[in-house]
Amino acid sequence: MLDIKSVSKTFNPGTPNQNTVLHSVDLHLDNGDFVTVIGGNGAGKSTLLNVISGAVLPDNGQVLIDTDDVTWLPEYRRARYLGRVFQDPMQGTAGDMGIDENLALAARRGQRRGLAWGIMRPEREQYKQVLQDLNLGLEGRLSIKVKLLSGGQRQALTLLMATLKQPKILLLDEHTAALDPKTGARVLELTQSLIEEHHLTTLMITHNMRDAIRYGNRLIMMHEGRIILDIRGTEKQKLTVEDLLHQFEKASGTALDNDRMLLS
């Protein structure tokens, strides 16, 4: 479903601020893989997702989604392949528009827009049903402006919008990091439920090692722009935080000094 072949990226080349953030990264995801991505600050995690989404173009290499070469396609041309949820709950929705209007935009992602009536009755009924499944009490508030929702409600809505069209790839960029622990746990449960229901191929960046171990069928760790660990199957099921730290030190030759990850 996803093939990344020898992808490299350097920002500000030829200047004193030159920074190579991806070094010939190779990654293959099968259909339905749920991969958690972990690593310290500057490891290249978000840049990897940006390259997949088209927000950043690589210097070289290839990105293939379901065998289609999308390496040089702009971000808007990849919209029909992808769903993405960012760390900031404000980033994935239009705050001055209603819940129904946001869902309608998500439902039309990657399609040509015409001058037909905005939201039809059958669509509203569909939106009520999918919102009811969230169990957040939003199904009766379709017309409320999204900016009036709590951070957790807004992130849950963003997640729903990202999966509404059942994308080929779902990208989750620390999408619970800005939420309190209880709300974050609820959004993670919803995430797993939607991924399982729609059999979505998923990459989820997290700063929480326990969440990285608990969720998904595969875990990769990045360090200095490279994938240094790729753990899956029964090996991942038996993994502990202590095992993960030990394997990181063995693979990288250094101790993990990211306080945010360790405290999580």
Protein backbone atom coordinates (compact mmCIF):
# COMPACT_ATOMS: atom_id res chain seq x y z
CA MET A 1 0.00 0.00 0.00
CA LEU A 2 2.92 2.36 0.68
CA ASP A 3 6.47 2.21 -0.63
CA ILE A 4 9.13 4.74 0.28
CA LYS A 5 12.33 4.14 -1.64
CA SER A 6 15.66 5.83 -0.82
CA VAL A 7 13.99 9.11 0.16
CA SER A 8 16.32 11.90 1.33
CA LYS A 9 15.62 15.48 2.35
CA THR A 10 17.94 18.36 3.23
CA PHE A 11 16.68 21.77 4.27
CA ASN A 12 18.67 24.95 3.49
CA PRO A 13 21.32 23.14 1.41
CA GLY A 14 24.56 25.00 0.85
CA THR A 15 24.01 27.37 3.77
CA PRO A 16 25.27 27.45 7.37
CA ASN A 17 21.79 26.19 8.37
CA GLN A 18 21.97 23.07 6.20
CA ASN A 19 20.12 20.23 7.89
CA THR A 20 19.69 16.74 6.44
CA VAL A 21 16.58 15.30 8.09
CA LEU A 22 16.08 12.13 6.02
CA HIS A 23 18.91 9.85 4.86
CA SER A 24 17.89 7.41 2.08
CA VAL A 25 14.85 6.15 4.01
CA ASP A 26 13.23 2.91 2.84
CA LEU A 27 9.86 1.81 4.19
CA HIS A 28 7.22 -0.64 2.97
CA LEU A 29 3.71 -0.91 4.41
CA ASP A 30 1.33 -3.71 3.51
CA ASN A 31 -2.39 -3.11 3.18
CA GLY A 32 -3.87 -2.78 6.69
CA ASP A 33 -0.58 -2.21 8.53
CA PHE A 34 -0.94 0.01 11.61
CA VAL A 35 2.56 1.34 12.27
CA THR A 36 3.50 3.48 15.25
CA VAL A 37 6.48 5.80 14.75
CA ILE A 38 8.66 6.95 17.63
CA GLY A 39 11.92 8.86 17.95
CA GLY A 40 13.54 11.88 19.57
CA ASN A 41 13.25 15.50 18.50
CA GLY A 42 14.74 16.00 15.03
CA ALA A 43 14.61 12.29 14.21
CA GLY A 44 12.73 12.99 10.97
CA LYS A 45 9.29 11.66 11.94
CA SER A 46 7.15 14.62 10.88
CA THR A 47 9.27 15.24 7.78
CA LEU A 48 8.62 11.65 6.73
CA LEU A 49 4.85 12.22 7.02
CA ASN A 50 5.19 15.54 5.18
CA VAL A 51 6.98 13.80 2.31
CA ILE A 52 4.23 11.18 2.11
CA SER A 53 1.50 13.85 2.15
CA GLY A 54 3.23 16.13 -0.36
CA ALA A 55 3.65 19.01 2.07
CA VAL A 56 7.42 18.56 1.54
CA LEU A 57 8.96 17.24 -1.68
CA PRO A 58 12.01 14.97 -1.32
CA ASP A 59 15.39 15.72 -2.83
CA ASN A 60 15.45 12.23 -4.32
CA GLY A 61 13.82 8.83 -3.99
CA GLN A 62 10.28 7.64 -4.64
CA VAL A 63 6.93 7.59 -2.84
CA LEU A 64 4.35 5.10 -4.13
CA ILE A 65 0.82 4.74 -2.80
CA ASP A 66 -0.96 1.59 -3.96
CA THR A 67 1.63 1.33 -6.78
CA ASP A 68 0.90 4.90 -8.00
CA ASP A 69 4.03 7.08 -8.08
CA VAL A 70 3.06 10.27 -6.20
CA THR A 71 6.61 11.49 -5.50
CA TRP A 72 6.25 14.84 -7.25
CA LEU A 73 2.50 15.36 -6.96
CA PRO A 74 1.52 18.51 -5.03
CA GLU A 75 -0.33 18.12 -1.76
CA TYR A 76 -3.81 18.82 -3.15
CA ARG A 77 -3.37 16.14 -5.85
CA ARG A 78 -2.72 13.53 -3.15
CA ALA A 79 -5.87 14.38 -1.20
CA ARG A 80 -7.80 11.45 -2.66
CA TYR A 81 -5.21 9.02 -1.29
CA LEU A 82 -4.71 10.40 2.21
CA GLY A 83 -6.31 11.35 5.49
CA ARG A 84 -4.27 13.27 8.06
CA VAL A 85 -4.72 14.44 11.65
CA PHE A 86 -2.28 16.95 13.15
CA GLN A 87 -1.19 17.60 16.72
CA ASP A 88 -3.11 20.88 16.92
CA PRO A 89 -6.90 20.25 17.12
CA MET A 90 -7.45 23.61 15.40
CA GLN A 91 -5.50 22.61 12.29
CA GLY A 92 -7.77 19.97 10.78
CA THR A 93 -11.11 21.80 10.85
CA ALA A 94 -12.65 25.11 9.77
CA GLY A 95 -13.65 26.75 13.05
CA ASP A 96 -16.16 29.23 11.62
CA MET A 97 -18.08 26.50 9.79
CA GLY A 98 -20.60 24.06 11.23
CA ILE A 99 -19.94 20.41 12.02
CA ASP A 100 -22.04 19.37 9.02
CA GLU A 101 -20.16 21.75 6.72
CA ASN A 102 -16.80 20.39 7.87
CA LEU A 103 -17.97 16.82 7.26
CA ALA A 104 -19.27 17.82 3.83
CA LEU A 105 -15.86 19.23 2.92
CA ALA A 106 -14.24 15.96 4.02
CA ALA A 107 -16.77 13.94 2.01
CA ARG A 108 -15.86 15.90 -1.13
CA ARG A 109 -12.09 15.60 -0.71
CA GLY A 110 -10.41 14.92 -4.03
CA GLN A 111 -13.61 15.53 -6.04
CA ARG A 112 -14.55 18.29 -8.44
CA ARG A 113 -16.85 20.89 -6.88
CA GLY A 114 -19.94 22.14 -8.70
CA LEU A 115 -22.79 24.56 -7.97
CA ALA A 116 -25.22 21.98 -6.60
CA TRP A 117 -26.99 22.55 -3.27
CA GLY A 118 -24.47 22.29 -0.46
CA ILE A 119 -25.61 19.52 1.89
CA MET A 120 -28.51 17.22 1.01
CA ARG A 121 -30.86 15.56 3.50
CA PRO A 122 -29.40 12.04 3.05
CA GLU A 123 -25.96 13.46 3.82
CA ARG A 124 -27.19 15.02 7.07
CA GLU A 125 -28.64 11.68 8.13
CA GLN A 126 -25.35 9.98 7.36
CA TYR A 127 -23.45 12.58 9.39
CA LYS A 128 -25.81 12.12 12.33
CA GLN A 129 -25.15 8.39 12.29
CA VAL A 130 -21.35 8.61 12.16
CA LEU A 131 -21.35 11.29 14.86
CA GLN A 132 -23.57 9.13 17.06
CA ASP A 133 -20.94 6.41 16.85
CA LEU A 134 -18.45 8.85 18.43
CA ASN A 135 -20.60 8.93 21.58
CA LEU A 136 -19.77 12.59 22.18
CA GLY A 137 -23.27 14.01 21.87
CA LEU A 138 -22.53 15.85 18.63
CA GLU A 139 -25.19 14.20 16.45
CA GLY A 140 -27.80 16.72 17.61
CA ARG A 141 -25.54 19.75 17.09
CA LEU A 142 -24.78 19.56 13.37
CA SER A 143 -25.02 23.29 12.77
CA ILE A 144 -22.88 24.43 15.73
CA LYS A 145 -19.63 26.16 14.79
CA VAL A 146 -16.65 23.88 15.28
CA LYS A 147 -14.67 26.56 17.14
CA LEU A 148 -17.13 26.17 20.04
CA LEU A 149 -16.17 22.52 20.59
CA SER A 150 -13.65 21.34 23.16
CA GLY A 151 -10.19 20.26 22.01
CA GLY A 152 -11.07 16.59 22.40
CA GLN A 153 -14.35 16.94 20.51
CA ARG A 154 -12.61 18.85 17.75
CA GLN A 155 -9.84 16.27 17.43
CA ALA A 156 -12.38 13.44 17.36
CA LEU A 157 -14.23 15.28 14.58
CA THR A 158 -10.95 15.78 12.69
CA LEU A 159 -10.25 12.06 12.98
CA LEU A 160 -13.72 11.28 11.68
CA MET A 161 -13.21 13.67 8.76
CA ALA A 162 -9.85 12.08 7.93
CA THR A 163 -11.38 8.60 7.75
CA LEU A 164 -14.76 9.45 6.24
CA LYS A 165 -13.62 8.60 2.69
CA GLN A 166 -11.61 5.57 3.89
CA PRO A 167 -8.25 6.82 2.59
CA LYS A 168 -5.55 4.49 1.34
CA ILE A 169 -3.17 5.93 3.96
CA LEU A 170 -4.04 7.54 7.31
CA LEU A 171 -1.34 9.81 8.76
CA LEU A 172 -1.52 10.69 12.47
CA ASP A 173 1.05 13.25 13.62
CA GLU A 174 1.05 13.12 17.46
CA HIS A 175 -2.69 13.70 17.27
CA THR A 176 -3.27 13.27 21.03
CA ALA A 177 -0.24 15.24 22.29
CA ALA A 178 -2.20 18.46 22.89
CA LEU A 179 -5.00 16.72 24.81
CA ASP A 180 -5.25 15.90 28.51
CA PRO A 181 -4.50 12.22 29.32
CA LYS A 182 -8.14 11.14 29.71
CA THR A 183 -9.26 12.79 26.48
CA GLY A 184 -6.16 11.56 24.67
CA ALA A 185 -6.91 7.98 25.72
CA ARG A 186 -10.49 8.33 24.44
CA VAL A 187 -9.27 9.66 21.08
CA LEU A 188 -6.77 6.78 20.82
CA GLU A 189 -9.55 4.26 21.46
CA LEU A 190 -11.62 5.91 18.75
CA THR A 191 -8.58 5.86 16.46
CA GLN A 192 -8.12 2.13 16.87
CA SER A 193 -11.84 1.50 16.38
CA LEU A 194 -11.95 3.44 13.09
CA ILE A 195 -8.74 1.84 11.81
CA GLU A 196 -10.06 -1.65 12.54
CA GLU A 197 -13.53 -0.91 11.14
CA HIS A 198 -12.22 0.39 7.82
CA HIS A 199 -9.02 -1.71 7.68
CA LEU A 200 -6.95 1.44 7.20
CA THR A 201 -3.22 1.45 6.50
CA THR A 202 -1.89 3.84 9.14
CA LEU A 203 1.26 5.64 10.25
CA MET A 204 0.94 7.13 13.75
CA ILE A 205 3.68 9.29 15.26
CA THR A 206 3.60 9.31 19.04
CA HIS A 207 5.90 10.60 21.78
CA ASN A 208 4.51 8.02 24.20
CA MET A 209 6.47 4.76 24.18
CA ARG A 210 3.69 2.84 25.94
CA ASP A 211 1.17 3.92 23.29
CA ALA A 212 3.67 3.00 20.57
CA ILE A 213 3.90 -0.50 22.04
CA ARG A 214 0.20 -0.91 22.79
CA TYR A 215 -1.24 0.17 19.45
CA GLY A 216 -0.66 -1.22 15.98
CA ASN A 217 0.94 -4.36 14.62
CA ARG A 218 4.30 -2.76 13.96
CA LEU A 219 6.65 -0.19 15.54
CA ILE A 220 9.45 1.75 13.88
CA MET A 221 11.92 4.03 15.63
CA MET A 222 13.75 6.85 13.85
CA HIS A 223 17.03 8.46 14.81
CA GLU A 224 18.91 11.21 12.94
CA GLY A 225 16.87 10.74 9.79
CA ARG A 226 17.07 6.97 9.61
CA ILE A 227 14.86 4.05 10.62
CA ILE A 228 16.94 2.17 13.16
CA LEU A 229 14.31 -0.24 14.54
CA ASP A 230 11.43 -2.07 12.88
CA ILE A 231 9.60 -4.37 15.28
CA ARG A 232 6.48 -6.34 14.42
CA GLY A 233 4.34 -9.36 15.17
CA THR A 234 4.94 -11.40 18.29
CA GLU A 235 8.16 -9.53 19.02
CA LYS A 236 6.18 -6.30 19.34
CA GLN A 237 3.50 -7.92 21.48
CA LYS A 238 6.14 -8.95 24.03
CA LEU A 239 7.92 -5.59 23.97
CA THR A 240 8.32 -3.46 27.12
CA VAL A 241 9.53 0.13 27.47
CA GLU A 242 12.76 -1.18 28.97
CA ASP A 243 13.26 -3.51 25.98
CA LEU A 244 12.63 -0.61 23.62
CA LEU A 245 15.18 1.61 25.36
CA HIS A 246 17.76 -1.19 25.29
CA GLN A 247 17.18 -1.87 21.59
CA PHE A 248 17.45 1.85 20.81
CA GLU A 249 20.82 2.10 22.58
CA LYS A 250 22.06 -1.01 20.79
CA ALA A 251 20.91 0.17 17.33
CA SER A 252 21.96 3.83 17.65
CA GLY A 253 25.04 3.49 19.84
CA THR A 254 23.71 6.20 22.15
CA ALA A 255 21.25 6.61 24.99
CA LEU A 256 17.82 8.10 24.34
CA ASP A 257 17.93 11.58 25.87
CA ASN A 258 14.49 12.86 24.86
CA ASP A 259 12.86 13.81 28.18
CA ARG A 260 9.43 14.09 26.60
CA MET A 261 9.51 10.45 25.50
CA LEU A 262 11.00 9.16 28.74
CA LEU A 263 8.50 11.02 30.94
CA SER A 264 5.62 9.69 28.85
